[in-house]
Structure formats: structure tokens, C-alpha cells
Amino acid sequence: MSVREEFDEWATAGKDKGMEERHWHTAKHALARMPVEEGDTILDLGTGSGYALRALRETANTGPSYGFDGSPEMVRNARDYTDEDDIEYVCGDFDNLPFEDDSIDHVWSMEAFYYAANPHNTLEEIARVLRPGGTFYCAVNYYEENVHSHEWQEYIEVEMTRWDREQYREAFRDAGLSVAEQDNIPDREITIPSGAEFPTEDWDSREAMVERYREYGTLLTVGVTP
């Protein structure tokens, strides 16, 4: 199954809203770190429901921005959810971004980069479209150090890229992006029951759940163009 087919099914089933709710716990903290100024152009790579662009528009009064996704149904839903003329949603391939060189101020991607068929090429495309001094904020929960995420591949037919922290830094640099920051953003909103309530349906021990949400959380890697 292709990325398009997989996420068309998700969008049709309304799972895009569920993704938004789960990701927002850490996404909002990463978005707050972005050096976005009024009027900046943002590209949201793997936009899903489009929540990140709407949040940035509300908090930073961003300029014309683009939500990019490989799923036509995700794009259709995001348009329905958005009442902003300056936000446009585009369907396409991560390996061939339909934007001019040096045309984007900041790129944001939450829980989507690892679906790129050729992640190194995608990073080169991101570096190409970013203006000098532009940033790429890449947030993922599925990465090598987060052992609790490894089983996710079993539940999705699309092949996912599982890099470790160093591989992210190396790939960013290879694409011409300086690594300005790399951090783990914990999820402090997920409720963790007392030890007496374990094992649960999803967790064998409280320690494992604490590790997943409070220690590993979301890996954020920030790249900057020269």
C-alpha cells in the first residue's frame, strides 16, 4: 500500500483529528520555539489536518503558507477545517516539492518525515526551498532510541525510516542544513497511572510508560540554512 492509499483511508475514517489530538501534546511546545515573525511563509510537510498552520497563523500572524501532504483526502479535510485565505493545501510527493528556490521562511514537520520514500532527497528539497537563515523543525516520535515506538511499523504497510539522533544530525548536515538544536520534548499531559495499576492493556510496567512519555517523548531536530 502506498502512503497516499494508507492516509486516504485514515482521513476518510476521521483519524486525522485523532492524530492532531495526540500530537498536540508536544507539537505545541516545539511550535512555540520556532522563530516565526509576522508575515513569514511556512511550509507544513505532512500537514494532516492542518492544525500546525492554523496555530501559527493565530499566534504569529504568519503570511501565505502551505500545508503539504501525500494524501488527497487529508488535503481535502484540512481545507474543510481551515477558514484562512492565506493557507493553501497542496497534495504531492515529499521528494519533489512544488515550490521555488528560497521561497519558504520555515518548514515544520510533525510525525511525517519518516514516511518520505527518499529522506535524504527530501532534506535536499527542504534546503532548496528555504530562504537563507530559514529553519526546518522536524519532530518525530518514531526514532531508534525510542524503543517503545519500534512496533509501530508492524501496524502500517508503508515503510518507515527509523533513524537515531546522530543519523538525523548527519543527514541534515549532508543536505546543507546546520543543526542548531536537537532535543527531546517530553509529553507531560498523558496520564500515567500508579504502579499498582500495572500491567495494563498497553504497558507491562509503569517504568516503561514513564520512559516513553517523560524521557523519550518527541525528538526535535532543528536545521538552519546558511
C-alpha atoms as a PDB file:
ATOM      1  CA  MET A   1       0.000   0.000   0.000  1.00  0.00           C
ATOM      2  CA  SER A   2       1.289   3.482  -0.879  1.00  0.00           C
ATOM      3  CA  VAL A   3       1.498   6.437   1.514  1.00  0.00           C
ATOM      4  CA  ARG A   4      -1.384   8.007  -0.384  1.00  0.00           C
ATOM      5  CA  GLU A   5      -3.617   4.963  -0.045  1.00  0.00           C
ATOM      6  CA  GLU A   6      -2.766   4.452   3.628  1.00  0.00           C
ATOM      7  CA  PHE A   7      -3.529   8.002   4.668  1.00  0.00           C
ATOM      8  CA  ASP A   8      -6.515   8.409   2.392  1.00  0.00           C
ATOM      9  CA  GLU A   9      -8.042   5.599   4.454  1.00  0.00           C
ATOM     10  CA  TRP A  10      -7.058   7.342   7.690  1.00  0.00           C
ATOM     11  CA  ALA A  11      -8.570  10.638   6.562  1.00  0.00           C
ATOM     12  CA  THR A  12     -11.788   9.016   5.378  1.00  0.00           C
ATOM     13  CA  ALA A  13     -12.111   7.298   8.758  1.00  0.00           C
ATOM     14  CA  GLY A  14     -11.574  10.593  10.599  1.00  0.00           C
ATOM     15  CA  LYS A  15      -8.246   9.537  12.093  1.00  0.00           C
ATOM     16  CA  ASP A  16      -6.682  12.875  11.165  1.00  0.00           C
ATOM     17  CA  LYS A  17      -8.405  14.525  14.123  1.00  0.00           C
ATOM     18  CA  GLY A  18      -7.135  11.795  16.432  1.00  0.00           C
ATOM     19  CA  MET A  19      -3.600  12.362  15.163  1.00  0.00           C
ATOM     20  CA  GLU A  20      -3.965  16.076  15.830  1.00  0.00           C
ATOM     21  CA  GLU A  21      -5.097  15.461  19.399  1.00  0.00           C
ATOM     22  CA  ARG A  22      -2.227  13.065  20.175  1.00  0.00           C
ATOM     23  CA  HIS A  23       0.494  15.133  18.527  1.00  0.00           C
ATOM     24  CA  TRP A  24      -0.576  18.436  20.024  1.00  0.00           C
ATOM     25  CA  HIS A  25       0.762  17.464  23.471  1.00  0.00           C
ATOM     26  CA  THR A  26       4.333  18.010  22.304  1.00  0.00           C
ATOM     27  CA  ALA A  27       3.804  19.810  18.981  1.00  0.00           C
ATOM     28  CA  LYS A  28       2.672  22.990  20.715  1.00  0.00           C
ATOM     29  CA  HIS A  29       5.945  23.215  22.648  1.00  0.00           C
ATOM     30  CA  ALA A  30       8.033  22.717  19.513  1.00  0.00           C
ATOM     31  CA  LEU A  31       5.950  25.223  17.538  1.00  0.00           C
ATOM     32  CA  ALA A  32       6.461  27.797  20.286  1.00  0.00           C
ATOM     33  CA  ARG A  33      10.235  27.563  19.750  1.00  0.00           C
ATOM     34  CA  MET A  34      10.078  28.433  16.056  1.00  0.00           C
ATOM     35  CA  PRO A  35      11.465  31.926  15.310  1.00  0.00           C
ATOM     36  CA  VAL A  36       8.402  32.852  13.271  1.00  0.00           C
ATOM     37  CA  GLU A  37       7.787  36.519  12.558  1.00  0.00           C
ATOM     38  CA  GLU A  38       4.668  38.227  11.280  1.00  0.00           C
ATOM     39  CA  GLY A  39       4.174  37.637   7.574  1.00  0.00           C
ATOM     40  CA  ASP A  40       6.545  34.654   7.336  1.00  0.00           C
ATOM     41  CA  THR A  41       5.765  31.893   4.863  1.00  0.00           C
ATOM     42  CA  ILE A  42       5.510  28.434   6.433  1.00  0.00           C
ATOM     43  CA  LEU A  43       5.548  25.005   4.797  1.00  0.00           C
ATOM     44  CA  ASP A  44       3.959  22.226   6.862  1.00  0.00           C
ATOM     45  CA  LEU A  45       5.321  18.944   5.492  1.00  0.00           C
ATOM     46  CA  GLY A  46       2.814  16.172   6.158  1.00  0.00           C
ATOM     47  CA  THR A  47       0.174  18.629   7.272  1.00  0.00           C
ATOM     48  CA  GLY A  48      -2.573  16.117   8.142  1.00  0.00           C
ATOM     49  CA  SER A  49      -5.499  18.142   9.475  1.00  0.00           C
ATOM     50  CA  GLY A  50      -3.560  21.399   9.073  1.00  0.00           C
ATOM     51  CA  TYR A  51      -3.594  22.196  12.802  1.00  0.00           C
ATOM     52  CA  ALA A  52       0.005  23.490  12.922  1.00  0.00           C
ATOM     53  CA  LEU A  53      -0.566  26.145  10.269  1.00  0.00           C
ATOM     54  CA  ARG A  54      -3.760  27.302  11.936  1.00  0.00           C
ATOM     55  CA  ALA A  55      -1.968  27.564  15.283  1.00  0.00           C
ATOM     56  CA  LEU A  56       0.920  29.560  13.801  1.00  0.00           C
ATOM     57  CA  ARG A  57      -1.494  31.834  11.977  1.00  0.00           C
ATOM     58  CA  GLU A  58      -3.317  32.527  15.239  1.00  0.00           C
ATOM     59  CA  THR A  59      -0.227  33.075  17.393  1.00  0.00           C
ATOM     60  CA  ALA A  60       2.259  34.665  14.955  1.00  0.00           C
ATOM     61  CA  ASN A  61       0.070  36.145  12.192  1.00  0.00           C
ATOM     62  CA  THR A  62       2.000  34.265   9.537  1.00  0.00           C
ATOM     63  CA  GLY A  63       1.808  35.162   5.867  1.00  0.00           C
ATOM     64  CA  PRO A  64       0.804  32.969   2.917  1.00  0.00           C
ATOM     65  CA  SER A  65       1.603  29.393   3.962  1.00  0.00           C
ATOM     66  CA  TYR A  66       1.285  25.871   2.613  1.00  0.00           C
ATOM     67  CA  GLY A  67       0.130  22.575   4.045  1.00  0.00           C
ATOM     68  CA  PHE A  68       1.693  19.771   2.010  1.00  0.00           C
ATOM     69  CA  ASP A  69       0.559  16.154   2.191  1.00  0.00           C
ATOM     70  CA  GLY A  70       0.768  12.979   0.133  1.00  0.00           C
ATOM     71  CA  SER A  71      -2.886  12.154   0.741  1.00  0.00           C
ATOM     72  CA  PRO A  72      -5.611  13.898  -1.308  1.00  0.00           C
ATOM     73  CA  GLU A  73      -8.169  13.055   1.382  1.00  0.00           C
ATOM     74  CA  MET A  74      -6.017  14.625   4.116  1.00  0.00           C
ATOM     75  CA  VAL A  75      -5.695  17.741   1.962  1.00  0.00           C
ATOM     76  CA  ARG A  76      -9.442  17.830   1.356  1.00  0.00           C
ATOM     77  CA  ASN A  77     -10.186  17.550   5.083  1.00  0.00           C
ATOM     78  CA  ALA A  78      -7.617  20.197   6.015  1.00  0.00           C
ATOM     79  CA  ARG A  79      -9.243  22.642   3.588  1.00  0.00           C
ATOM     80  CA  ASP A  80     -12.612  21.991   5.188  1.00  0.00           C
ATOM     81  CA  TYR A  81     -11.177  22.606   8.670  1.00  0.00           C
ATOM     82  CA  THR A  82      -9.435  25.867   7.717  1.00  0.00           C
ATOM     83  CA  ASP A  83     -11.056  29.280   7.330  1.00  0.00           C
ATOM     84  CA  GLU A  84      -7.953  31.217   6.280  1.00  0.00           C
ATOM     85  CA  ASP A  85      -7.410  32.565   2.771  1.00  0.00           C
ATOM     86  CA  ASP A  86      -3.633  32.728   3.289  1.00  0.00           C
ATOM     87  CA  ILE A  87      -3.296  28.999   3.949  1.00  0.00           C
ATOM     88  CA  GLU A  88      -3.202  26.755   0.892  1.00  0.00           C
ATOM     89  CA  TYR A  89      -3.165  22.952   0.954  1.00  0.00           C
ATOM     90  CA  VAL A  90      -1.241  21.041  -1.691  1.00  0.00           C
ATOM     91  CA  CYS A  91      -1.029  17.317  -2.443  1.00  0.00           C
ATOM     92  CA  GLY A  92       2.243  15.912  -3.715  1.00  0.00           C
ATOM     93  CA  ASP A  93       5.443  13.942  -3.242  1.00  0.00           C
ATOM     94  CA  PHE A  94       7.924  14.766  -0.461  1.00  0.00           C
ATOM     95  CA  ASP A  95      10.752  14.127  -2.939  1.00  0.00           C
ATOM     96  CA  ASN A  96       9.606  16.816  -5.356  1.00  0.00           C
ATOM     97  CA  LEU A  97       8.348  19.904  -3.545  1.00  0.00           C
ATOM     98  CA  PRO A  98       6.456  22.230  -5.938  1.00  0.00           C
ATOM     99  CA  PHE A  99       7.947  25.437  -4.545  1.00  0.00           C
ATOM    100  CA  GLU A 100      10.525  27.873  -5.876  1.00  0.00           C
ATOM    101  CA  ASP A 101      14.069  28.043  -4.541  1.00  0.00           C
ATOM    102  CA  ASP A 102      14.444  30.328  -1.498  1.00  0.00           C
ATOM    103  CA  SER A 103      10.674  30.811  -1.191  1.00  0.00           C
ATOM    104  CA  ILE A 104       9.906  29.493   2.320  1.00  0.00           C
ATOM    105  CA  ASP A 105      10.876  31.032   5.672  1.00  0.00           C
ATOM    106  CA  HIS A 106      10.313  27.976   7.866  1.00  0.00           C
ATOM    107  CA  VAL A 107       9.455  24.309   7.332  1.00  0.00           C
ATOM    108  CA  TRP A 108       7.609  22.338  10.005  1.00  0.00           C
ATOM    109  CA  SER A 109       7.039  18.571  10.061  1.00  0.00           C
ATOM    110  CA  MET A 110       5.419  16.551  12.848  1.00  0.00           C
ATOM    111  CA  GLU A 111       5.268  12.757  12.688  1.00  0.00           C
ATOM    112  CA  ALA A 112       5.597  12.714   8.901  1.00  0.00           C
ATOM    113  CA  PHE A 113       9.231  12.960   7.813  1.00  0.00           C
ATOM    114  CA  TYR A 114       9.883   9.240   8.281  1.00  0.00           C
ATOM    115  CA  TYR A 115       7.306   8.437   5.583  1.00  0.00           C
ATOM    116  CA  ALA A 116       9.483  10.036   2.893  1.00  0.00           C
ATOM    117  CA  ALA A 117      10.462   7.457   0.281  1.00  0.00           C
ATOM    118  CA  ASN A 118      13.909   9.043   0.000  1.00  0.00           C
ATOM    119  CA  PRO A 119      14.518  11.060   3.191  1.00  0.00           C
ATOM    120  CA  HIS A 120      17.929  12.349   2.055  1.00  0.00           C
ATOM    121  CA  ASN A 121      16.387  13.743  -1.119  1.00  0.00           C
ATOM    122  CA  THR A 122      13.536  15.252   0.904  1.00  0.00           C
ATOM    123  CA  LEU A 123      16.064  17.084   3.084  1.00  0.00           C
ATOM    124  CA  GLU A 124      17.778  18.429  -0.023  1.00  0.00           C
ATOM    125  CA  GLU A 125      14.407  19.649  -1.288  1.00  0.00           C
ATOM    126  CA  ILE A 126      13.730  21.333   2.061  1.00  0.00           C
ATOM    127  CA  ALA A 127      17.126  23.046   1.960  1.00  0.00           C
ATOM    128  CA  ARG A 128      16.407  24.174  -1.598  1.00  0.00           C
ATOM    129  CA  VAL A 129      13.086  25.868  -0.863  1.00  0.00           C
ATOM    130  CA  LEU A 130      14.214  27.519   2.389  1.00  0.00           C
ATOM    131  CA  ARG A 131      15.418  31.085   2.305  1.00  0.00           C
ATOM    132  CA  PRO A 132      18.851  31.919   3.767  1.00  0.00           C
ATOM    133  CA  GLY A 133      18.542  31.687   7.542  1.00  0.00           C
ATOM    134  CA  GLY A 134      15.360  29.637   7.270  1.00  0.00           C
ATOM    135  CA  THR A 135      14.682  26.761   9.627  1.00  0.00           C
ATOM    136  CA  PHE A 136      13.410  23.201   9.446  1.00  0.00           C
ATOM    137  CA  TYR A 137      11.732  21.949  12.627  1.00  0.00           C
ATOM    138  CA  CYS A 138      11.474  18.163  12.384  1.00  0.00           C
ATOM    139  CA  ALA A 139       9.567  16.411  15.186  1.00  0.00           C
ATOM    140  CA  VAL A 140       9.263  12.618  15.386  1.00  0.00           C
ATOM    141  CA  ASN A 141       8.208  10.035  17.939  1.00  0.00           C
ATOM    142  CA  TYR A 142       9.353   7.122  15.784  1.00  0.00           C
ATOM    143  CA  TYR A 143      13.144   7.009  16.135  1.00  0.00           C
ATOM    144  CA  GLU A 144      15.805   4.500  17.131  1.00  0.00           C
ATOM    145  CA  GLU A 145      16.325   5.463  20.777  1.00  0.00           C
ATOM    146  CA  ASN A 146      12.593   5.322  21.478  1.00  0.00           C
ATOM    147  CA  VAL A 147      12.352   1.534  21.704  1.00  0.00           C
ATOM    148  CA  HIS A 148       8.657   1.804  22.557  1.00  0.00           C
ATOM    149  CA  SER A 149       7.931   3.124  19.058  1.00  0.00           C
ATOM    150  CA  HIS A 150       9.602   0.335  17.103  1.00  0.00           C
ATOM    151  CA  GLU A 151       6.490  -1.834  16.944  1.00  0.00           C
ATOM    152  CA  TRP A 152       4.591   0.873  15.081  1.00  0.00           C
ATOM    153  CA  GLN A 153       5.995  -0.424  11.792  1.00  0.00           C
ATOM    154  CA  GLU A 154       4.014  -3.626  12.346  1.00  0.00           C
ATOM    155  CA  TYR A 155       0.719  -1.718  12.158  1.00  0.00           C
ATOM    156  CA  ILE A 156       1.309   0.236   8.962  1.00  0.00           C
ATOM    157  CA  GLU A 157       2.087  -1.086   5.499  1.00  0.00           C
ATOM    158  CA  VAL A 158       4.146   1.928   4.448  1.00  0.00           C
ATOM    159  CA  GLU A 159       7.889   1.514   5.033  1.00  0.00           C
ATOM    160  CA  MET A 160       9.122   3.969   7.680  1.00  0.00           C
ATOM    161  CA  THR A 161      12.631   5.361   8.199  1.00  0.00           C
ATOM    162  CA  ARG A 162      13.913   4.812  11.737  1.00  0.00           C
ATOM    163  CA  TRP A 163      16.993   6.949  12.331  1.00  0.00           C
ATOM    164  CA  ASP A 164      18.782   7.616  15.591  1.00  0.00           C
ATOM    165  CA  ARG A 165      19.704  11.078  16.841  1.00  0.00           C
ATOM    166  CA  GLU A 166      23.111  11.084  15.175  1.00  0.00           C
ATOM    167  CA  GLN A 167      21.706   9.895  11.844  1.00  0.00           C
ATOM    168  CA  TYR A 168      19.299  12.845  11.866  1.00  0.00           C
ATOM    169  CA  ARG A 169      22.160  15.261  12.505  1.00  0.00           C
ATOM    170  CA  GLU A 170      24.341  13.701   9.812  1.00  0.00           C
ATOM    171  CA  ALA A 171      21.547  13.707   7.240  1.00  0.00           C
ATOM    172  CA  PHE A 172      20.698  17.345   7.960  1.00  0.00           C
ATOM    173  CA  ARG A 173      24.336  18.356   7.515  1.00  0.00           C
ATOM    174  CA  ASP A 174      24.693  16.308   4.327  1.00  0.00           C
ATOM    175  CA  ALA A 175      21.758  18.252   2.882  1.00  0.00           C
ATOM    176  CA  GLY A 176      23.388  21.582   3.736  1.00  0.00           C
ATOM    177  CA  LEU A 177      21.446  22.310   6.928  1.00  0.00           C
ATOM    178  CA  SER A 178      23.337  23.311  10.066  1.00  0.00           C
ATOM    179  CA  VAL A 179      21.976  21.565  13.147  1.00  0.00           C
ATOM    180  CA  ALA A 180      21.029  24.346  15.537  1.00  0.00           C
ATOM    181  CA  GLU A 181      19.265  22.211  18.129  1.00  0.00           C
ATOM    182  CA  GLN A 182      18.304  18.656  18.979  1.00  0.00           C
ATOM    183  CA  ASP A 183      16.143  17.940  21.990  1.00  0.00           C
ATOM    184  CA  ASN A 184      13.621  15.549  23.484  1.00  0.00           C
ATOM    185  CA  ILE A 185      10.304  17.169  24.315  1.00  0.00           C
ATOM    186  CA  PRO A 186       8.501  15.122  26.979  1.00  0.00           C
ATOM    187  CA  ASP A 187       4.779  14.517  26.883  1.00  0.00           C
ATOM    188  CA  ARG A 188       3.579  15.636  30.312  1.00  0.00           C
ATOM    189  CA  GLU A 189      -0.134  15.509  29.506  1.00  0.00           C
ATOM    190  CA  ILE A 190      -0.517  11.748  29.131  1.00  0.00           C
ATOM    191  CA  THR A 191      -1.740  10.446  32.480  1.00  0.00           C
ATOM    192  CA  ILE A 192       0.462   7.739  33.942  1.00  0.00           C
ATOM    193  CA  PRO A 193      -1.368   5.507  36.480  1.00  0.00           C
ATOM    194  CA  SER A 194       0.145   4.431  39.768  1.00  0.00           C
ATOM    195  CA  GLY A 195       2.411   1.409  39.874  1.00  0.00           C
ATOM    196  CA  ALA A 196      -0.313  -0.707  41.471  1.00  0.00           C
ATOM    197  CA  GLU A 197      -2.403  -0.447  38.282  1.00  0.00           C
ATOM    198  CA  PHE A 198       0.166  -2.182  36.066  1.00  0.00           C
ATOM    199  CA  PRO A 199       0.365  -4.171  33.911  1.00  0.00           C
ATOM    200  CA  THR A 200      -2.250  -2.503  31.706  1.00  0.00           C
ATOM    201  CA  GLU A 201      -3.536  -3.467  28.277  1.00  0.00           C
ATOM    202  CA  ASP A 202      -0.731  -1.462  26.632  1.00  0.00           C
ATOM    203  CA  TRP A 203       2.067  -1.399  29.190  1.00  0.00           C
ATOM    204  CA  ASP A 204       3.828  -4.095  31.214  1.00  0.00           C
ATOM    205  CA  SER A 205       5.267  -1.659  33.743  1.00  0.00           C
ATOM    206  CA  ARG A 206       4.897   1.912  34.917  1.00  0.00           C
ATOM    207  CA  GLU A 207       8.634   2.429  34.354  1.00  0.00           C
ATOM    208  CA  ALA A 208       8.258   1.704  30.648  1.00  0.00           C
ATOM    209  CA  MET A 209       5.396   4.163  30.300  1.00  0.00           C
ATOM    210  CA  VAL A 210       7.320   6.863  32.166  1.00  0.00           C
ATOM    211  CA  GLU A 211      10.315   6.273  29.913  1.00  0.00           C
ATOM    212  CA  ARG A 212       8.197   6.537  26.755  1.00  0.00           C
ATOM    213  CA  TYR A 213       6.390   9.769  27.603  1.00  0.00           C
ATOM    214  CA  ARG A 214       8.558  11.612  30.107  1.00  0.00           C
ATOM    215  CA  GLU A 215      12.043  10.697  28.877  1.00  0.00           C
ATOM    216  CA  TYR A 216      11.862   9.925  25.161  1.00  0.00           C
ATOM    217  CA  GLY A 217       8.823  11.974  24.169  1.00  0.00           C
ATOM    218  CA  THR A 218       9.242  13.684  20.808  1.00  0.00           C
ATOM    219  CA  LEU A 219      12.663  14.045  19.179  1.00  0.00           C
ATOM    220  CA  LEU A 220      13.053  17.547  17.745  1.00  0.00           C
ATOM    221  CA  THR A 221      15.872  18.283  15.308  1.00  0.00           C
ATOM    222  CA  VAL A 222      16.261  21.846  14.044  1.00  0.00           C
ATOM    223  CA  GLY A 223      18.145  22.638  10.854  1.00  0.00           C
ATOM    224  CA  VAL A 224      19.112  26.100   9.592  1.00  0.00           C
ATOM    225  CA  THR A 225      20.098  27.131   6.073  1.00  0.00           C
ATOM    226  CA  PRO A 226      23.255  29.242   5.610  1.00  0.00           C
END
